[in-house]
């Protein structure tokens, strides 16, 4: 898998999409994984805020964002 790099705007978009999906699908089987990924992206956004870089490497292990993006 190629390395993926995200900027602040891309991170915030993923956070928003995941948050909206979680709120609308609380009982879905993937909700726990989506919550974990939401926290992961939030942590990446925080790390990006304190760094001098404009991008950060995405090494999220679950990538549920891409799965639920199909459903949205």
C-alpha atoms as a PDB file:
ATOM      1  CA  UNK A   1       0.000   0.000   0.000  1.00  0.00           C
ATOM      2  CA  UNK A   2       1.319   3.445  -0.893  1.00  0.00           C
ATOM      3  CA  UNK A   3       1.757   5.990   1.834  1.00  0.00           C
ATOM      4  CA  UNK A   4      -1.067   8.485   2.040  1.00  0.00           C
ATOM      5  CA  UNK A   5      -0.505  12.009   3.320  1.00  0.00           C
ATOM      6  CA  UNK A   6      -3.315  14.234   4.545  1.00  0.00           C
ATOM      7  CA  UNK A   7      -3.521  17.954   5.168  1.00  0.00           C
ATOM      8  CA  UNK A   8      -5.601  19.622   7.883  1.00  0.00           C
ATOM      9  CA  UNK A   9      -8.609  20.165   5.599  1.00  0.00           C
ATOM     10  CA  UNK A  10      -8.676  16.497   4.557  1.00  0.00           C
ATOM     11  CA  UNK A  11      -8.425  15.374   8.184  1.00  0.00           C
ATOM     12  CA  UNK A  12     -11.277  17.649   9.230  1.00  0.00           C
ATOM     13  CA  UNK A  13     -13.445  16.357   6.375  1.00  0.00           C
ATOM     14  CA  UNK A  14     -12.846  12.756   7.445  1.00  0.00           C
ATOM     15  CA  UNK A  15     -13.634  13.655  11.053  1.00  0.00           C
ATOM     16  CA  UNK A  16     -16.897  15.315   9.989  1.00  0.00           C
ATOM     17  CA  UNK A  17     -17.982  12.416   7.753  1.00  0.00           C
ATOM     18  CA  UNK A  18     -17.202   9.841  10.439  1.00  0.00           C
ATOM     19  CA  UNK A  19     -18.911  11.873  13.166  1.00  0.00           C
ATOM     20  CA  UNK A  20     -22.062  12.343  11.070  1.00  0.00           C
ATOM     21  CA  UNK A  21     -22.138   8.652  10.169  1.00  0.00           C
ATOM     22  CA  UNK A  22     -21.701   7.592  13.802  1.00  0.00           C
ATOM     23  CA  UNK A  23     -24.540   9.857  14.940  1.00  0.00           C
ATOM     24  CA  UNK A  24     -26.864   8.378  12.302  1.00  0.00           C
ATOM     25  CA  UNK A  25     -25.756   4.747  12.724  1.00  0.00           C
ATOM     26  CA  UNK A  26     -25.237   4.245  16.441  1.00  0.00           C
ATOM     27  CA  UNK A  27     -26.331   0.598  16.359  1.00  0.00           C
ATOM     28  CA  UNK A  28     -24.489  -0.341  13.169  1.00  0.00           C
ATOM     29  CA  UNK A  29     -21.977  -3.207  13.455  1.00  0.00           C
ATOM     30  CA  UNK A  30     -19.175  -0.916  12.244  1.00  0.00           C
ATOM     31  CA  UNK A  31     -19.897   1.910  14.720  1.00  0.00           C
ATOM     32  CA  UNK A  32     -17.201   0.858  17.212  1.00  0.00           C
ATOM     33  CA  UNK A  33     -14.603   0.755  14.466  1.00  0.00           C
ATOM     34  CA  UNK A  34     -15.812   4.113  13.135  1.00  0.00           C
ATOM     35  CA  UNK A  35     -15.455   5.646  16.608  1.00  0.00           C
ATOM     36  CA  UNK A  36     -11.917   4.305  16.930  1.00  0.00           C
ATOM     37  CA  UNK A  37     -11.012   5.735  13.530  1.00  0.00           C
ATOM     38  CA  UNK A  38     -12.633   9.079  14.431  1.00  0.00           C
ATOM     39  CA  UNK A  39     -10.365   9.303  17.480  1.00  0.00           C
ATOM     40  CA  UNK A  40      -7.380   8.328  15.354  1.00  0.00           C
ATOM     41  CA  UNK A  41      -8.025  11.136  12.841  1.00  0.00           C
ATOM     42  CA  UNK A  42      -8.629  13.581  15.692  1.00  0.00           C
ATOM     43  CA  UNK A  43      -5.262  12.624  17.148  1.00  0.00           C
ATOM     44  CA  UNK A  44      -3.595  13.089  13.752  1.00  0.00           C
ATOM     45  CA  UNK A  45      -5.187  16.553  13.447  1.00  0.00           C
ATOM     46  CA  UNK A  46      -3.858  17.464  16.903  1.00  0.00           C
ATOM     47  CA  UNK A  47      -0.361  16.257  15.976  1.00  0.00           C
ATOM     48  CA  UNK A  48      -0.510  18.280  12.763  1.00  0.00           C
ATOM     49  CA  UNK A  49      -1.475  21.401  14.752  1.00  0.00           C
ATOM     50  CA  UNK A  50       1.674  21.213  16.865  1.00  0.00           C
ATOM     51  CA  UNK A  51       4.005  20.291  14.029  1.00  0.00           C
ATOM     52  CA  UNK A  52       5.589  22.631  11.524  1.00  0.00           C
ATOM     53  CA  UNK A  53       4.434  20.450   8.639  1.00  0.00           C
ATOM     54  CA  UNK A  54       1.373  21.030   6.472  1.00  0.00           C
ATOM     55  CA  UNK A  55       0.771  17.301   5.910  1.00  0.00           C
ATOM     56  CA  UNK A  56       0.902  14.160   8.012  1.00  0.00           C
ATOM     57  CA  UNK A  57       1.176  10.507   7.058  1.00  0.00           C
ATOM     58  CA  UNK A  58      -2.047   8.574   7.396  1.00  0.00           C
ATOM     59  CA  UNK A  59      -1.340   5.144   8.781  1.00  0.00           C
ATOM     60  CA  UNK A  60      -4.847   4.469  10.062  1.00  0.00           C
ATOM     61  CA  UNK A  61      -5.197   0.698  10.336  1.00  0.00           C
ATOM     62  CA  UNK A  62      -8.947   0.411   9.684  1.00  0.00           C
ATOM     63  CA  UNK A  63      -9.758   2.899   6.899  1.00  0.00           C
ATOM     64  CA  UNK A  64     -13.488   2.630   7.600  1.00  0.00           C
ATOM     65  CA  UNK A  65     -13.818   6.162   6.244  1.00  0.00           C
ATOM     66  CA  UNK A  66     -13.419   4.756   2.748  1.00  0.00           C
ATOM     67  CA  UNK A  67     -15.988   2.011   3.418  1.00  0.00           C
ATOM     68  CA  UNK A  68     -18.704   4.283   4.757  1.00  0.00           C
ATOM     69  CA  UNK A  69     -17.993   6.837   2.063  1.00  0.00           C
ATOM     70  CA  UNK A  70     -19.663   4.395  -0.311  1.00  0.00           C
ATOM     71  CA  UNK A  71     -22.806   4.356   1.856  1.00  0.00           C
ATOM     72  CA  UNK A  72     -23.093   8.128   2.221  1.00  0.00           C
END
